[in-house]
């Protein structure tokens, strides 16, 4: 079974949640357009000045997503 990898983009500032939500929409659109599978895409609100957008993919697709979307960081989900 392949591991799940969470690719992450950080956003800071008073508009961080709205920006992260918008970014998550583009992550889903990219996956659909490229016909790439993904497990989940979403937003995490850490506090009023820090949010992140993420997409969770299986390890076998991580390189494809990483090279195309250039996340700021990743972690095993």
C-alpha atoms as a PDB file:
ATOM      1  CA  UNK A   1       0.000   0.000   0.000  1.00  0.00           C
ATOM      2  CA  UNK A   2       1.282   3.433  -0.949  1.00  0.00           C
ATOM      3  CA  UNK A   3       1.813   6.098   1.689  1.00  0.00           C
ATOM      4  CA  UNK A   4      -0.247   9.283   1.640  1.00  0.00           C
ATOM      5  CA  UNK A   5       1.701  12.516   1.144  1.00  0.00           C
ATOM      6  CA  UNK A   6       0.317  15.921   2.127  1.00  0.00           C
ATOM      7  CA  UNK A   7       1.668  18.776  -0.016  1.00  0.00           C
ATOM      8  CA  UNK A   8       1.302  22.141   1.722  1.00  0.00           C
ATOM      9  CA  UNK A   9       1.182  25.852   0.830  1.00  0.00           C
ATOM     10  CA  UNK A  10       1.323  28.376   3.703  1.00  0.00           C
ATOM     11  CA  UNK A  11      -0.476  31.724   3.703  1.00  0.00           C
ATOM     12  CA  UNK A  12      -0.077  34.446   6.293  1.00  0.00           C
ATOM     13  CA  UNK A  13      -1.897  37.673   7.027  1.00  0.00           C
ATOM     14  CA  UNK A  14      -5.458  38.785   7.705  1.00  0.00           C
ATOM     15  CA  UNK A  15      -6.675  37.379   4.344  1.00  0.00           C
ATOM     16  CA  UNK A  16      -4.834  34.062   4.681  1.00  0.00           C
ATOM     17  CA  UNK A  17      -7.966  31.932   5.023  1.00  0.00           C
ATOM     18  CA  UNK A  18      -9.603  33.349   1.882  1.00  0.00           C
ATOM     19  CA  UNK A  19      -6.380  32.979  -0.094  1.00  0.00           C
ATOM     20  CA  UNK A  20      -5.924  29.380   1.094  1.00  0.00           C
ATOM     21  CA  UNK A  21      -9.526  28.539   0.144  1.00  0.00           C
ATOM     22  CA  UNK A  22      -8.971  29.979  -3.326  1.00  0.00           C
ATOM     23  CA  UNK A  23      -5.709  28.064  -3.690  1.00  0.00           C
ATOM     24  CA  UNK A  24      -7.414  24.792  -2.702  1.00  0.00           C
ATOM     25  CA  UNK A  25      -9.918  25.314  -5.519  1.00  0.00           C
ATOM     26  CA  UNK A  26      -7.032  25.574  -7.988  1.00  0.00           C
ATOM     27  CA  UNK A  27      -5.432  22.428  -6.568  1.00  0.00           C
ATOM     28  CA  UNK A  28      -8.639  20.470  -7.229  1.00  0.00           C
ATOM     29  CA  UNK A  29      -8.998  22.010 -10.701  1.00  0.00           C
ATOM     30  CA  UNK A  30      -5.411  21.072 -11.565  1.00  0.00           C
ATOM     31  CA  UNK A  31      -5.975  17.449 -10.536  1.00  0.00           C
ATOM     32  CA  UNK A  32      -9.186  17.234 -12.552  1.00  0.00           C
ATOM     33  CA  UNK A  33      -7.691  18.900 -15.616  1.00  0.00           C
ATOM     34  CA  UNK A  34      -4.624  16.635 -15.585  1.00  0.00           C
ATOM     35  CA  UNK A  35      -6.737  13.578 -14.698  1.00  0.00           C
ATOM     36  CA  UNK A  36      -4.568  12.899 -11.648  1.00  0.00           C
ATOM     37  CA  UNK A  37      -6.002  11.106  -8.635  1.00  0.00           C
ATOM     38  CA  UNK A  38      -5.939  12.756  -5.241  1.00  0.00           C
ATOM     39  CA  UNK A  39      -7.278  11.791  -1.853  1.00  0.00           C
ATOM     40  CA  UNK A  40      -8.249  15.145  -0.423  1.00  0.00           C
ATOM     41  CA  UNK A  41      -7.685  18.864  -0.936  1.00  0.00           C
ATOM     42  CA  UNK A  42      -8.593  21.496   1.596  1.00  0.00           C
ATOM     43  CA  UNK A  43      -7.719  24.277   4.002  1.00  0.00           C
ATOM     44  CA  UNK A  44      -6.577  24.380   7.607  1.00  0.00           C
ATOM     45  CA  UNK A  45      -7.051  27.556   9.615  1.00  0.00           C
ATOM     46  CA  UNK A  46      -4.262  27.685  12.193  1.00  0.00           C
ATOM     47  CA  UNK A  47      -5.137  31.133  13.570  1.00  0.00           C
ATOM     48  CA  UNK A  48      -6.525  34.428  12.252  1.00  0.00           C
ATOM     49  CA  UNK A  49      -3.180  35.247  10.612  1.00  0.00           C
ATOM     50  CA  UNK A  50      -2.090  31.829   9.307  1.00  0.00           C
ATOM     51  CA  UNK A  51      -3.836  29.294   7.068  1.00  0.00           C
ATOM     52  CA  UNK A  52      -2.655  26.594   4.758  1.00  0.00           C
ATOM     53  CA  UNK A  53      -3.947  24.899   1.633  1.00  0.00           C
ATOM     54  CA  UNK A  54      -3.091  21.272   1.016  1.00  0.00           C
ATOM     55  CA  UNK A  55      -3.610  18.324  -1.244  1.00  0.00           C
ATOM     56  CA  UNK A  56      -3.132  14.726  -0.153  1.00  0.00           C
ATOM     57  CA  UNK A  57      -1.911  12.324  -2.833  1.00  0.00           C
ATOM     58  CA  UNK A  58      -0.564   8.796  -2.918  1.00  0.00           C
ATOM     59  CA  UNK A  59       3.209   8.561  -2.874  1.00  0.00           C
ATOM     60  CA  UNK A  60       3.349   7.336  -6.462  1.00  0.00           C
ATOM     61  CA  UNK A  61       1.952  10.684  -7.706  1.00  0.00           C
ATOM     62  CA  UNK A  62       3.881  12.926  -5.326  1.00  0.00           C
ATOM     63  CA  UNK A  63       6.694  13.763  -7.773  1.00  0.00           C
ATOM     64  CA  UNK A  64       4.215  14.711 -10.508  1.00  0.00           C
ATOM     65  CA  UNK A  65       2.332  17.058  -8.188  1.00  0.00           C
ATOM     66  CA  UNK A  66       5.504  18.436  -6.596  1.00  0.00           C
ATOM     67  CA  UNK A  67       7.171  19.295  -9.889  1.00  0.00           C
ATOM     68  CA  UNK A  68       4.047  20.887 -11.367  1.00  0.00           C
ATOM     69  CA  UNK A  69       2.766  22.803  -8.339  1.00  0.00           C
ATOM     70  CA  UNK A  70       5.918  23.534  -6.289  1.00  0.00           C
ATOM     71  CA  UNK A  71       4.527  23.215  -2.748  1.00  0.00           C
ATOM     72  CA  UNK A  72       6.345  24.923   0.103  1.00  0.00           C
ATOM     73  CA  UNK A  73       6.613  21.696   2.051  1.00  0.00           C
ATOM     74  CA  UNK A  74       5.239  18.212   2.413  1.00  0.00           C
ATOM     75  CA  UNK A  75       4.693  15.587   5.074  1.00  0.00           C
ATOM     76  CA  UNK A  76       3.501  12.020   5.407  1.00  0.00           C
ATOM     77  CA  UNK A  77      -0.245  12.137   6.020  1.00  0.00           C
END
